[in-house]
Amino acid sequence: MKNDHQIVVFLPMVHLAKPSFYNKSKKIIDSLKNENYTIFYEEININKKYYSKKLDSINKKELFILLRKYRKILGRFQINDLTSQSNKSLPKYFKNKKFVSQSKEILGIDTLDINIDVSLTELIQAHEKKNGVIILDKCDYNTGFKEKYKCSKLNKYYAIRYYRDSIAANKVLKYNKEKSLIIFGKGHWYGIWPYFRDEGFVLVEK
């Protein structure tokens, strides 16, 4: 898509695929980097304060609740490796040994590239602002993260799609780069594109 002074390439991504898919995607990313495209990517991140090996009891409790609320929205525990054999909350087809999990490393995304996604805290806050506080029940507290999730689930569309799409699109528009590459889940295209269309962008094939 482009306007009079900018071009934006959207590279549709899947979070689980055969290595050949990511190899092909990396070639595209590397090629556009060489053409001086600014790289924008998708990654829901966790606040750095939670990475400390010596978390105090308050932060431990916060993280415990945050992750369980995220699981209730998503319907499974999904943080890093989507091919984990020990994570029973993931669908069986995720564990197909022909597949690998998407990562920044496998795509060649580095520290110069820009994360346009939301934090996990922001995502939960957005859901609760729209739909009310997420109430965790005994099932949520008693089900381990890697156990099969059989508790009641929430409608995830607003937080996972609409909210994130709006944030991602508006961040790219605000950066106002001459040449941009957006690496985001393929299903998000339909939510991201309208923001660019409304700013005068038209569709073209790269």
Protein backbone atom coordinates (compact mmCIF):
# COMPACT_ATOMS: atom_id res chain seq x y z
CA MET A 1 0.00 0.00 0.00
CA LYS A 2 1.20 3.52 -0.69
CA ASN A 3 0.38 7.20 -0.79
CA ASP A 4 2.16 10.08 -2.52
CA HIS A 5 5.28 9.88 -0.35
CA GLN A 6 5.21 6.54 1.49
CA ILE A 7 5.11 2.83 0.80
CA VAL A 8 4.10 0.26 3.40
CA VAL A 9 4.55 -3.48 2.84
CA PHE A 10 2.48 -5.89 4.94
CA LEU A 11 4.11 -9.32 5.36
CA PRO A 12 1.43 -11.75 6.64
CA MET A 13 2.77 -14.01 9.35
CA VAL A 14 1.72 -17.29 10.97
CA HIS A 15 3.00 -18.21 14.41
CA LEU A 16 3.55 -21.89 13.60
CA ALA A 17 4.84 -23.22 10.28
CA LYS A 18 7.40 -25.35 8.49
CA PRO A 19 10.96 -23.96 8.52
CA SER A 20 10.71 -23.29 4.77
CA PHE A 21 8.01 -20.67 5.38
CA TYR A 22 10.20 -18.72 7.80
CA ASN A 23 13.24 -19.08 5.54
CA LYS A 24 11.26 -17.50 2.70
CA SER A 25 9.94 -14.77 5.00
CA LYS A 26 13.44 -13.98 6.28
CA LYS A 27 14.71 -13.53 2.73
CA ILE A 28 11.97 -10.97 2.11
CA ILE A 29 12.75 -9.17 5.38
CA ASP A 30 16.50 -9.14 4.70
CA SER A 31 15.92 -7.86 1.17
CA LEU A 32 13.73 -4.98 2.36
CA LYS A 33 16.20 -4.13 5.13
CA ASN A 34 18.83 -3.75 2.42
CA GLU A 35 16.45 -1.32 0.69
CA ASN A 36 16.33 0.76 3.90
CA TYR A 37 12.83 -0.22 4.97
CA THR A 38 11.96 0.38 8.61
CA ILE A 39 10.87 -2.93 10.13
CA PHE A 40 7.81 -3.04 12.39
CA TYR A 41 6.85 -6.31 14.07
CA GLU A 42 4.29 -8.02 16.30
CA GLU A 43 5.09 -9.20 19.82
CA ILE A 44 2.97 -8.98 22.96
CA ASN A 45 5.57 -8.38 25.64
CA ILE A 46 5.63 -8.63 29.41
CA ASN A 47 6.76 -5.69 31.55
CA LYS A 48 10.50 -5.92 32.24
CA LYS A 49 9.94 -5.74 35.99
CA TYR A 50 8.52 -9.28 35.85
CA TYR A 51 11.74 -10.73 34.41
CA SER A 52 13.67 -10.35 37.65
CA LYS A 53 14.81 -13.65 39.19
CA LYS A 54 14.08 -12.16 42.60
CA LEU A 55 10.47 -11.05 42.19
CA ASP A 56 8.89 -9.85 45.40
CA SER A 57 5.58 -11.33 46.53
CA ILE A 58 3.53 -8.42 45.16
CA ASN A 59 4.98 -8.67 41.65
CA LYS A 60 4.72 -12.47 41.71
CA LYS A 61 1.02 -12.19 42.51
CA GLU A 62 0.53 -9.54 39.80
CA LEU A 63 2.20 -11.75 37.18
CA PHE A 64 0.29 -14.83 38.37
CA ILE A 65 -3.04 -13.02 37.89
CA LEU A 66 -1.99 -11.30 34.65
CA LEU A 67 -1.05 -14.58 32.96
CA ARG A 68 -4.24 -16.27 34.11
CA LYS A 69 -6.37 -13.42 32.78
CA TYR A 70 -4.54 -13.66 29.45
CA ARG A 71 -5.18 -17.40 29.36
CA LYS A 72 -8.87 -16.82 30.02
CA ILE A 73 -9.04 -14.49 27.01
CA LEU A 74 -6.95 -16.68 24.72
CA GLY A 75 -8.25 -20.07 25.88
CA ARG A 76 -4.78 -21.54 26.26
CA PHE A 77 -1.40 -20.76 27.82
CA GLN A 78 0.69 -19.30 25.03
CA ILE A 79 3.85 -17.36 25.80
CA ASN A 80 6.91 -18.71 24.00
CA ASP A 81 7.33 -22.08 22.30
CA LEU A 82 4.09 -23.10 20.57
CA THR A 83 5.44 -26.57 19.83
CA SER A 84 6.00 -27.49 23.49
CA GLN A 85 5.18 -31.17 24.02
CA SER A 86 4.56 -30.59 27.73
CA ASN A 87 2.00 -27.79 27.27
CA LYS A 88 -1.32 -29.64 27.20
CA SER A 89 -3.29 -26.41 26.80
CA LEU A 90 -2.08 -26.09 23.19
CA PRO A 91 -3.98 -27.77 20.32
CA LYS A 92 -2.55 -31.13 19.24
CA TYR A 93 -1.64 -29.95 15.75
CA PHE A 94 0.72 -27.39 17.30
CA LYS A 95 2.95 -30.30 18.29
CA ASN A 96 3.45 -31.57 14.75
CA LYS A 97 7.20 -32.16 14.55
CA LYS A 98 7.27 -30.69 11.04
CA PHE A 99 6.43 -27.28 12.51
CA VAL A 100 8.57 -24.74 14.32
CA SER A 101 7.46 -21.76 16.37
CA GLN A 102 7.88 -18.21 15.05
CA SER A 103 10.55 -16.15 16.78
CA LYS A 104 12.43 -12.92 16.21
CA GLU A 105 15.63 -14.90 15.76
CA ILE A 106 14.24 -17.12 13.02
CA LEU A 107 13.07 -14.05 11.07
CA GLY A 108 16.22 -12.01 11.64
CA ILE A 109 14.44 -9.31 13.63
CA ASP A 110 16.93 -7.36 15.74
CA THR A 111 17.13 -4.50 18.24
CA LEU A 112 17.01 -1.88 15.48
CA ASP A 113 13.54 -3.06 14.50
CA ILE A 114 10.41 -1.66 16.14
CA ASN A 115 7.79 -3.53 18.15
CA ILE A 116 4.38 -1.97 17.39
CA ASP A 117 2.37 -4.37 19.54
CA VAL A 118 0.95 -3.85 23.03
CA SER A 119 2.22 -5.13 26.36
CA LEU A 120 0.35 -7.89 28.15
CA THR A 121 -0.65 -5.40 30.83
CA GLU A 122 -2.06 -2.99 28.23
CA LEU A 123 -4.00 -5.80 26.56
CA ILE A 124 -5.65 -6.88 29.81
CA GLN A 125 -6.43 -3.27 30.74
CA ALA A 126 -8.03 -2.64 27.33
CA HIS A 127 -10.21 -5.75 27.64
CA GLU A 128 -11.33 -4.80 31.15
CA LYS A 129 -12.04 -1.19 30.17
CA LYS A 130 -14.30 -2.47 27.38
CA ASN A 131 -15.89 -5.48 29.06
CA GLY A 132 -15.40 -5.10 32.80
CA VAL A 133 -12.94 -6.70 35.21
CA ILE A 134 -11.95 -10.28 34.37
CA ILE A 135 -13.10 -12.50 37.22
CA LEU A 136 -10.94 -15.58 37.80
CA ASP A 137 -12.69 -18.56 39.39
CA LYS A 138 -11.52 -21.70 41.18
CA CYS A 139 -11.02 -23.46 37.87
CA ASP A 140 -8.62 -20.73 36.72
CA TYR A 141 -6.62 -20.81 39.94
CA ASN A 142 -6.50 -24.61 40.20
CA THR A 143 -5.56 -25.33 36.57
CA GLY A 144 -1.80 -25.30 36.00
CA PHE A 145 -0.52 -23.26 33.08
CA LYS A 146 0.50 -26.31 31.07
CA GLU A 147 -2.63 -28.31 31.86
CA LYS A 148 -5.54 -28.59 29.43
CA TYR A 149 -7.71 -25.51 29.91
CA LYS A 150 -11.36 -26.42 30.51
CA CYS A 151 -12.50 -23.28 32.33
CA SER A 152 -14.93 -20.69 30.99
CA LYS A 153 -13.46 -18.47 28.28
CA LEU A 154 -14.04 -14.87 27.23
CA ASN A 155 -14.67 -13.25 23.87
CA LYS A 156 -11.17 -12.43 22.65
CA TYR A 157 -11.96 -10.41 19.51
CA TYR A 158 -11.74 -6.90 20.96
CA ALA A 159 -8.45 -7.30 22.83
CA ILE A 160 -6.64 -9.71 20.52
CA ARG A 161 -7.75 -8.21 17.22
CA TYR A 162 -9.44 -4.78 17.24
CA TYR A 163 -7.40 -3.14 20.00
CA ARG A 164 -4.03 -4.45 18.84
CA ASP A 165 -4.77 -3.66 15.19
CA SER A 166 -5.59 -0.05 16.06
CA ILE A 167 -2.42 0.36 18.13
CA ALA A 168 -0.17 -1.23 15.49
CA ALA A 169 -1.58 0.78 12.58
CA ASN A 170 -1.47 4.08 14.43
CA LYS A 171 2.12 3.53 15.59
CA VAL A 172 3.30 2.97 12.01
CA LEU A 173 1.36 6.00 10.80
CA LYS A 174 2.85 8.12 13.58
CA TYR A 175 6.42 7.09 12.69
CA ASN A 176 5.68 8.39 9.19
CA LYS A 177 8.59 6.54 7.55
CA GLU A 178 9.13 6.71 3.79
CA LYS A 179 9.43 2.92 3.50
CA SER A 180 7.95 0.54 6.07
CA LEU A 181 7.53 -3.22 6.47
CA ILE A 182 4.87 -4.51 8.86
CA ILE A 183 5.37 -8.12 10.02
CA PHE A 184 2.10 -9.17 11.65
CA GLY A 185 -0.29 -12.11 11.83
CA LYS A 186 -2.12 -12.55 8.53
CA GLY A 187 -5.55 -12.28 10.16
CA HIS A 188 -4.73 -8.79 11.38
CA TRP A 189 -4.51 -7.38 7.86
CA TYR A 190 -8.26 -6.81 7.72
CA GLY A 191 -8.11 -4.72 10.89
CA ILE A 192 -4.92 -2.81 10.03
CA TRP A 193 -5.59 -1.89 6.41
CA PRO A 194 -8.63 0.40 7.04
CA TYR A 195 -6.48 2.79 9.12
CA PHE A 196 -4.15 3.29 6.16
CA ARG A 197 -7.02 3.48 3.67
CA ASP A 198 -8.56 6.27 5.75
CA GLU A 199 -5.23 8.16 5.54
CA GLY A 200 -5.25 8.06 1.74
CA PHE A 201 -3.21 4.91 1.09
CA VAL A 202 -4.08 2.70 -1.89
CA LEU A 203 -3.33 -0.98 -2.44
CA VAL A 204 -0.47 -1.99 -4.72
CA GLU A 205 1.51 -5.19 -5.17
CA LYS A 206 5.17 -5.14 -4.17
